[in-house]
Amino acid sequence: MQKVTVLCVGKLKERFYMDAAAEYAKRLSRFCQLEIVELPEERLPDNPSQAQIDAALSREGEAIRARIPAGAAVTALCVEGQPCSSEELAQRMARWANQGEGRLVFLIGGSFGLHPSVKALSSLRLSMSPMTFPHHLARVMLLEQIYRAYQINAGSRYHK
């Protein structure tokens, strides 16, 4: 069974996000060993300078890099990433499984994204959409897409 880690910067605060994430975590337990790791988001002033943002991203990046297991297939969610259909994600995940990739790691940055050094570690940079979403919602969307990918690969009727 694959191990899937979702490394997130920031904690879910709203109950509806927590409930949705918990539901997909429960559903995913049939397909993988899911671990959701929440790392603290660096505090910034209301109008941070670019230098303050860069420093915060660097500190968050150090925390992320420390939690990525060696040999994992890493996917970074980022705005400049490639868009991918549900079927394409399912194919990629199936390919990773067939290649013996037992550990998948998905990275979700905080409000200002991910540090370039973290993106450089990823074998896939994934864009969920050209639209902008709160990073908390991105977590729920990602969990649903991982679940959908497993369902597609299992040949279920979930994906229509």
Protein backbone atom coordinates (compact mmCIF):
# COMPACT_ATOMS: atom_id res chain seq x y z
CA MET A 1 0.00 0.00 0.00
CA GLN A 2 1.39 3.39 -0.99
CA LYS A 3 2.19 5.96 1.65
CA VAL A 4 0.89 9.41 0.76
CA THR A 5 1.99 12.45 2.71
CA VAL A 6 0.40 15.85 2.27
CA LEU A 7 2.77 18.45 3.71
CA CYS A 8 0.88 21.69 4.32
CA VAL A 9 2.02 25.05 5.55
CA GLY A 10 -0.67 26.36 7.89
CA LYS A 11 -3.40 24.77 9.93
CA LEU A 12 -7.02 24.38 8.96
CA LYS A 13 -9.08 26.73 11.09
CA GLU A 14 -12.59 26.54 9.66
CA ARG A 15 -14.66 23.54 10.74
CA PHE A 16 -16.02 22.94 7.22
CA TYR A 17 -12.49 22.53 5.81
CA MET A 18 -11.56 20.19 8.68
CA ASP A 19 -14.69 18.10 8.14
CA ALA A 20 -14.12 17.83 4.39
CA ALA A 21 -10.44 16.91 4.83
CA ALA A 22 -11.37 14.30 7.45
CA GLU A 23 -13.95 12.76 5.11
CA TYR A 24 -11.42 12.35 2.29
CA ALA A 25 -8.81 11.05 4.73
CA LYS A 26 -11.31 8.40 5.83
CA ARG A 27 -12.11 7.46 2.22
CA LEU A 28 -8.42 7.29 1.30
CA SER A 29 -7.67 4.83 4.11
CA ARG A 30 -8.86 2.01 1.81
CA PHE A 31 -6.25 2.90 -0.81
CA CYS A 32 -3.18 4.28 0.94
CA GLN A 33 -1.58 5.18 4.23
CA LEU A 34 -2.32 8.89 4.38
CA GLU A 35 -0.39 11.29 6.56
CA ILE A 36 -1.28 14.97 6.70
CA VAL A 37 1.49 17.09 8.19
CA GLU A 38 0.74 20.69 9.12
CA LEU A 39 3.74 22.95 9.44
CA PRO A 40 3.50 26.41 11.01
CA GLU A 41 3.09 29.36 8.68
CA GLU A 42 5.52 32.18 9.33
CA ARG A 43 3.88 35.28 10.74
CA LEU A 44 4.21 38.39 8.62
CA PRO A 45 3.04 41.98 9.08
CA ASP A 46 -0.05 43.18 7.21
CA ASN A 47 1.97 44.68 4.37
CA PRO A 48 5.18 42.65 4.25
CA SER A 49 8.09 43.67 2.11
CA GLN A 50 9.40 41.25 -0.51
CA ALA A 51 12.45 40.66 1.71
CA GLN A 52 10.18 39.65 4.61
CA ILE A 53 8.19 37.32 2.34
CA ASP A 54 11.38 35.76 0.97
CA ALA A 55 12.74 35.21 4.48
CA ALA A 56 9.47 33.61 5.61
CA LEU A 57 9.38 31.34 2.55
CA SER A 58 12.98 30.33 3.24
CA ARG A 59 12.17 29.35 6.84
CA GLU A 60 9.03 27.47 5.73
CA GLY A 61 11.11 25.78 3.04
CA GLU A 62 13.62 24.52 5.62
CA ALA A 63 10.77 22.99 7.64
CA ILE A 64 9.29 21.36 4.52
CA ARG A 65 12.61 19.95 3.31
CA ALA A 66 13.23 18.43 6.76
CA ARG A 67 9.96 16.47 6.49
CA ILE A 68 10.33 15.06 2.96
CA PRO A 69 11.28 11.37 3.19
CA ALA A 70 14.27 10.26 1.12
CA GLY A 71 13.33 8.67 -2.18
CA ALA A 72 9.76 10.02 -2.24
CA ALA A 73 8.06 11.15 -5.43
CA VAL A 74 7.40 14.82 -4.65
CA THR A 75 4.65 16.95 -6.17
CA ALA A 76 4.54 20.69 -5.45
CA LEU A 77 1.28 22.56 -5.88
CA CYS A 78 2.14 25.94 -7.34
CA VAL A 79 0.61 28.52 -9.65
CA GLU A 80 3.25 28.05 -12.33
CA GLY A 81 2.78 24.28 -12.29
CA GLN A 82 1.29 22.29 -15.12
CA PRO A 83 -2.44 21.76 -15.19
CA CYS A 84 -3.41 18.12 -15.06
CA SER A 85 -6.75 16.38 -15.55
CA SER A 86 -8.00 13.87 -13.01
CA GLU A 87 -7.27 11.08 -15.48
CA GLU A 88 -3.71 12.34 -16.01
CA LEU A 89 -3.09 12.46 -12.26
CA ALA A 90 -4.47 8.92 -11.93
CA GLN A 91 -2.15 7.73 -14.73
CA ARG A 92 0.83 9.40 -13.11
CA MET A 93 0.03 7.88 -9.72
CA ALA A 94 -0.41 4.44 -11.33
CA ARG A 95 2.94 4.87 -13.10
CA TRP A 96 4.61 5.78 -9.82
CA ALA A 97 3.10 2.67 -8.20
CA ASN A 98 4.25 0.48 -11.11
CA GLN A 99 7.76 1.94 -10.82
CA GLY A 100 7.85 0.98 -7.15
CA GLU A 101 7.34 4.50 -5.79
CA GLY A 102 5.90 3.55 -2.43
CA ARG A 103 6.04 7.06 -1.01
CA LEU A 104 4.25 10.06 -2.55
CA VAL A 105 4.56 13.54 -1.07
CA PHE A 106 2.34 16.47 -2.06
CA LEU A 107 3.39 19.97 -0.95
CA ILE A 108 1.02 22.86 -0.29
CA GLY A 109 2.59 26.16 0.64
CA GLY A 110 1.15 28.94 2.74
CA SER A 111 -0.35 32.22 1.63
CA PHE A 112 2.76 33.18 -0.34
CA GLY A 113 3.41 29.77 -1.89
CA LEU A 114 6.54 27.64 -1.74
CA HIS A 115 10.22 28.58 -1.68
CA PRO A 116 12.01 27.92 -5.02
CA SER A 117 14.35 25.43 -3.31
CA VAL A 118 11.33 23.32 -2.35
CA LYS A 119 9.87 23.46 -5.85
CA ALA A 120 13.24 22.31 -7.19
CA LEU A 121 12.89 19.05 -5.21
CA SER A 122 9.65 18.12 -6.93
CA SER A 123 9.32 15.74 -9.85
CA LEU A 124 5.99 17.38 -10.68
CA ARG A 125 4.82 20.95 -10.29
CA LEU A 126 1.05 20.84 -10.35
CA SER A 127 -1.43 23.66 -10.85
CA MET A 128 -4.96 22.92 -9.66
CA SER A 129 -6.38 25.74 -11.77
CA PRO A 130 -5.45 29.12 -13.24
CA MET A 131 -7.85 30.55 -10.65
CA THR A 132 -6.66 31.51 -7.17
CA PHE A 133 -7.96 29.48 -4.21
CA PRO A 134 -7.27 29.73 -0.48
CA HIS A 135 -4.51 27.26 0.41
CA HIS A 136 -6.89 25.64 2.93
CA LEU A 137 -9.33 24.85 0.14
CA ALA A 138 -6.44 23.58 -1.98
CA ARG A 139 -5.86 20.89 0.65
CA VAL A 140 -9.43 19.63 0.37
CA MET A 141 -9.29 19.80 -3.43
CA LEU A 142 -6.01 17.87 -3.47
CA LEU A 143 -7.33 15.16 -1.14
CA GLU A 144 -10.40 14.78 -3.34
CA GLN A 145 -8.25 14.49 -6.46
CA ILE A 146 -5.98 11.88 -4.85
CA TYR A 147 -9.10 9.93 -3.86
CA ARG A 148 -10.51 10.33 -7.37
CA ALA A 149 -7.22 9.09 -8.86
CA TYR A 150 -7.37 5.92 -6.77
CA GLN A 151 -11.01 5.46 -7.76
CA ILE A 152 -10.18 5.90 -11.46
CA ASN A 153 -7.34 3.39 -11.19
CA ALA A 154 -9.67 0.94 -9.41
CA GLY A 155 -12.21 1.27 -12.22
CA SER A 156 -14.97 2.51 -9.92
CA ARG A 157 -17.99 4.57 -10.92
CA TYR A 158 -16.98 7.49 -8.68
CA HIS A 159 -15.40 9.28 -11.64
CA LYS A 160 -17.99 9.87 -14.33
